[in-house]
Amino acid sequence: MARENFRRPTPTPTVTAEAGFTIPATVADDSAPSVVNPAPAAAPVAPVSAPASTGNTTVVDVDLGNNDGAMRVTGWLVCTKGSAVGKDFRLHNGWNYIGRDPALDISLPDQRIDSAPMVKVAYDDRSRSFTVAPCEGAKNLAYLSGGALFGAMQFKAYDRLQLGETEVMLVPLCSEAFSWNEEA
């Protein structure tokens, strides 16, 4: 019976790029690793500060850079009744979809709220005002300051919106007094 030569496999060598990521490298017999077909240059990685641990939660501060105002806060919905009482939810320019689904802009933990988007809130920079409207296909009614919400309505500072057993209040940042689009 012929005896074959067996070589123990060696781990694939890697090269660490300047940005801190690792890419596979090829190695010819008895030579240094070289990069073959490197990936295209990646976008710069956002700087991350050292994580701060608070009990079971780790907080990481990520600098997302200037996003030209696309997702700047325009106000908050603050929960005044229901299981999320005291919690605040950020609003941004354009439509903010609200329901029970965690994938929505604002997810409220209330079984009487539709999982699909139930209502939507928008801030319009041009008119410097908020609007609230029911979402198409919503199964449950929402109430604005006690009245049923059947169509789009102006949403004013400290108005209360009820969805299921949850009530939220509008606390605006942007208004006639302030806008992210003000010229210096």
Protein backbone atom coordinates (compact mmCIF):
# COMPACT_ATOMS: atom_id res chain seq x y z
CA MET A 1 0.00 0.00 0.00
CA ALA A 2 1.49 3.34 -1.05
CA ARG A 3 1.87 6.00 1.54
CA GLU A 4 0.74 9.51 0.54
CA ASN A 5 2.20 12.75 1.80
CA PHE A 6 -0.29 14.71 3.84
CA ARG A 7 0.19 18.38 4.69
CA ARG A 8 -1.54 19.93 7.64
CA PRO A 9 -3.73 22.77 6.38
CA THR A 10 -2.54 26.20 7.42
CA PRO A 11 -4.91 29.02 8.26
CA THR A 12 -5.61 31.45 5.45
CA PRO A 13 -3.38 34.45 5.99
CA THR A 14 -4.95 37.88 6.10
CA VAL A 15 -3.81 41.44 5.61
CA THR A 16 -5.19 44.26 7.74
CA ALA A 17 -5.92 47.40 5.75
CA GLU A 18 -5.42 50.95 7.07
CA ALA A 19 -9.13 51.32 7.90
CA GLY A 20 -8.90 48.36 10.28
CA PHE A 21 -10.72 45.69 8.29
CA THR A 22 -9.17 42.34 7.36
CA ILE A 23 -9.08 40.84 3.87
CA PRO A 24 -7.86 37.40 2.73
CA ALA A 25 -4.41 37.20 1.17
CA THR A 26 -2.70 34.56 -0.97
CA VAL A 27 0.62 33.03 -0.02
CA ALA A 28 3.03 31.42 -2.43
CA ASP A 29 5.37 28.83 -0.91
CA ASP A 30 7.85 30.53 1.45
CA SER A 31 6.78 34.08 0.52
CA ALA A 32 5.05 36.92 2.28
CA PRO A 33 1.30 37.37 1.94
CA SER A 34 0.11 39.48 -0.95
CA VAL A 35 -3.32 40.89 -1.65
CA VAL A 36 -5.08 39.56 -4.74
CA ASN A 37 -8.12 41.34 -6.18
CA PRO A 38 -8.65 43.65 -3.23
CA ALA A 39 -12.15 44.90 -2.69
CA PRO A 40 -12.92 48.40 -3.98
CA ALA A 41 -12.14 51.15 -1.52
CA ALA A 42 -14.80 51.23 1.16
CA ALA A 43 -16.54 54.39 2.29
CA PRO A 44 -14.91 55.89 5.33
CA VAL A 45 -16.02 54.32 8.58
CA ALA A 46 -17.77 56.66 11.05
CA PRO A 47 -15.68 57.28 14.15
CA VAL A 48 -16.97 55.50 17.21
CA SER A 49 -16.21 56.56 20.76
CA ALA A 50 -15.35 54.06 23.46
CA PRO A 51 -18.47 52.23 24.65
CA ALA A 52 -19.88 53.23 28.02
CA SER A 53 -21.43 50.38 29.96
CA THR A 54 -24.48 51.06 32.12
CA GLY A 55 -25.62 47.81 33.69
CA ASN A 56 -26.86 45.48 30.95
CA THR A 57 -26.78 48.21 28.31
CA THR A 58 -23.76 49.31 26.27
CA VAL A 59 -23.97 52.80 24.82
CA VAL A 60 -21.94 53.55 21.69
CA ASP A 61 -21.72 57.08 20.30
CA VAL A 62 -21.44 57.03 16.49
CA ASP A 63 -20.74 60.21 14.53
CA LEU A 64 -22.99 59.97 11.47
CA GLY A 65 -21.67 63.19 9.99
CA ASN A 66 -23.82 65.88 8.39
CA ASN A 67 -26.89 64.35 6.81
CA ASP A 68 -28.08 67.68 5.38
CA GLY A 69 -31.09 67.72 7.69
CA ALA A 70 -32.75 64.63 6.22
CA MET A 71 -33.36 63.06 9.65
CA ARG A 72 -32.98 66.00 12.04
CA VAL A 73 -35.41 66.02 14.93
CA THR A 74 -38.42 68.31 14.40
CA GLY A 75 -40.29 67.44 17.59
CA TRP A 76 -41.34 64.59 19.84
CA LEU A 77 -44.39 62.57 20.69
CA VAL A 78 -44.41 62.04 24.45
CA CYS A 79 -46.52 59.19 25.82
CA THR A 80 -48.92 60.53 28.48
CA LYS A 81 -51.08 57.39 28.91
CA GLY A 82 -50.52 53.68 28.32
CA SER A 83 -47.73 51.16 28.78
CA ALA A 84 -45.04 53.53 27.40
CA VAL A 85 -45.98 56.48 29.66
CA GLY A 86 -43.10 58.94 30.00
CA LYS A 87 -41.29 57.70 26.89
CA ASP A 88 -40.58 60.11 24.02
CA PHE A 89 -40.45 59.38 20.30
CA ARG A 90 -38.50 61.53 17.82
CA LEU A 91 -40.22 63.06 14.79
CA HIS A 92 -38.30 64.04 11.64
CA ASN A 93 -39.07 65.89 8.38
CA GLY A 94 -41.57 64.16 6.14
CA TRP A 95 -43.88 61.33 7.20
CA ASN A 96 -43.35 59.43 10.46
CA TYR A 97 -45.36 56.16 10.45
CA ILE A 98 -46.84 55.00 13.76
CA GLY A 99 -48.14 51.54 14.71
CA ARG A 100 -47.14 48.51 16.74
CA ASP A 101 -44.59 47.05 14.28
CA PRO A 102 -40.99 47.68 15.52
CA ALA A 103 -39.91 48.42 11.92
CA LEU A 104 -42.02 51.61 11.85
CA ASP A 105 -40.68 55.07 12.65
CA ILE A 106 -42.58 54.97 15.95
CA SER A 107 -43.56 51.64 17.50
CA LEU A 108 -46.01 51.72 20.40
CA PRO A 109 -46.37 48.62 22.64
CA ASP A 110 -50.20 48.45 22.72
CA GLN A 111 -52.16 45.44 21.44
CA ARG A 112 -55.09 47.70 20.48
CA ILE A 113 -52.87 49.54 17.97
CA ASP A 114 -52.60 48.16 14.44
CA SER A 115 -49.37 46.32 13.68
CA ALA A 116 -49.32 47.92 10.23
CA PRO A 117 -49.04 51.72 10.12
CA MET A 118 -52.12 53.19 11.83
CA VAL A 119 -51.42 56.94 11.61
CA LYS A 120 -48.72 59.14 10.18
CA VAL A 121 -47.36 62.49 11.36
CA ALA A 122 -45.48 64.91 9.12
CA TYR A 123 -43.55 68.09 9.68
CA ASP A 124 -43.47 70.39 6.65
CA ASP A 125 -40.53 72.84 6.63
CA ARG A 126 -42.24 75.18 4.16
CA SER A 127 -45.38 75.76 6.22
CA ARG A 128 -43.55 75.09 9.51
CA SER A 129 -46.44 72.96 10.70
CA PHE A 130 -47.28 69.39 11.69
CA THR A 131 -50.05 67.28 10.15
CA VAL A 132 -51.52 63.98 11.37
CA ALA A 133 -53.50 61.59 9.17
CA PRO A 134 -54.81 58.01 9.35
CA CYS A 135 -52.94 55.48 7.21
CA GLU A 136 -54.75 53.74 4.39
CA GLY A 137 -55.98 50.34 5.52
CA ALA A 138 -55.87 51.13 9.25
CA LYS A 139 -58.38 48.92 11.08
CA ASN A 140 -58.71 50.97 14.27
CA LEU A 141 -59.63 54.60 14.73
CA ALA A 142 -57.29 57.19 16.19
CA TYR A 143 -58.52 60.27 18.05
CA LEU A 144 -57.06 63.78 17.93
CA SER A 145 -57.95 65.86 21.00
CA GLY A 146 -60.99 63.62 21.58
CA GLY A 147 -62.39 63.63 18.01
CA ALA A 148 -62.10 60.75 15.54
CA LEU A 149 -59.35 61.19 12.95
CA PHE A 150 -60.91 60.48 9.51
CA GLY A 151 -58.55 62.58 7.36
CA ALA A 152 -55.48 64.81 7.50
CA MET A 153 -55.64 67.47 10.23
CA GLN A 154 -53.29 70.10 11.58
CA PHE A 155 -51.41 68.75 14.62
CA LYS A 156 -50.70 71.65 17.02
CA ALA A 157 -48.32 71.93 19.96
CA TYR A 158 -49.51 69.87 22.95
CA ASP A 159 -52.41 68.27 21.02
CA ARG A 160 -53.08 64.74 22.21
CA LEU A 161 -53.38 61.76 19.86
CA GLN A 162 -54.98 58.56 21.14
CA LEU A 163 -54.23 55.19 19.55
CA GLY A 164 -55.69 52.17 21.34
CA GLU A 165 -55.02 52.61 25.06
CA THR A 166 -52.02 54.87 24.35
CA GLU A 167 -52.08 58.66 24.29
CA VAL A 168 -49.19 60.76 22.97
CA MET A 169 -48.73 64.54 23.04
CA LEU A 170 -46.96 66.61 20.37
CA VAL A 171 -43.99 68.60 21.70
CA PRO A 172 -42.61 70.53 18.71
CA LEU A 173 -39.04 71.73 18.25
CA CYS A 174 -39.61 73.23 14.82
CA SER A 175 -42.29 75.90 14.45
CA GLU A 176 -42.65 79.54 13.42
CA ALA A 177 -39.95 80.28 16.01
CA PHE A 178 -37.33 77.80 14.72
CA SER A 179 -36.55 75.71 11.65
CA TRP A 180 -33.45 73.78 10.57
CA ASN A 181 -33.69 75.55 7.19
CA GLU A 182 -33.36 79.10 8.60
CA GLU A 183 -30.69 81.14 6.89
CA ALA A 184 -28.02 82.61 9.14
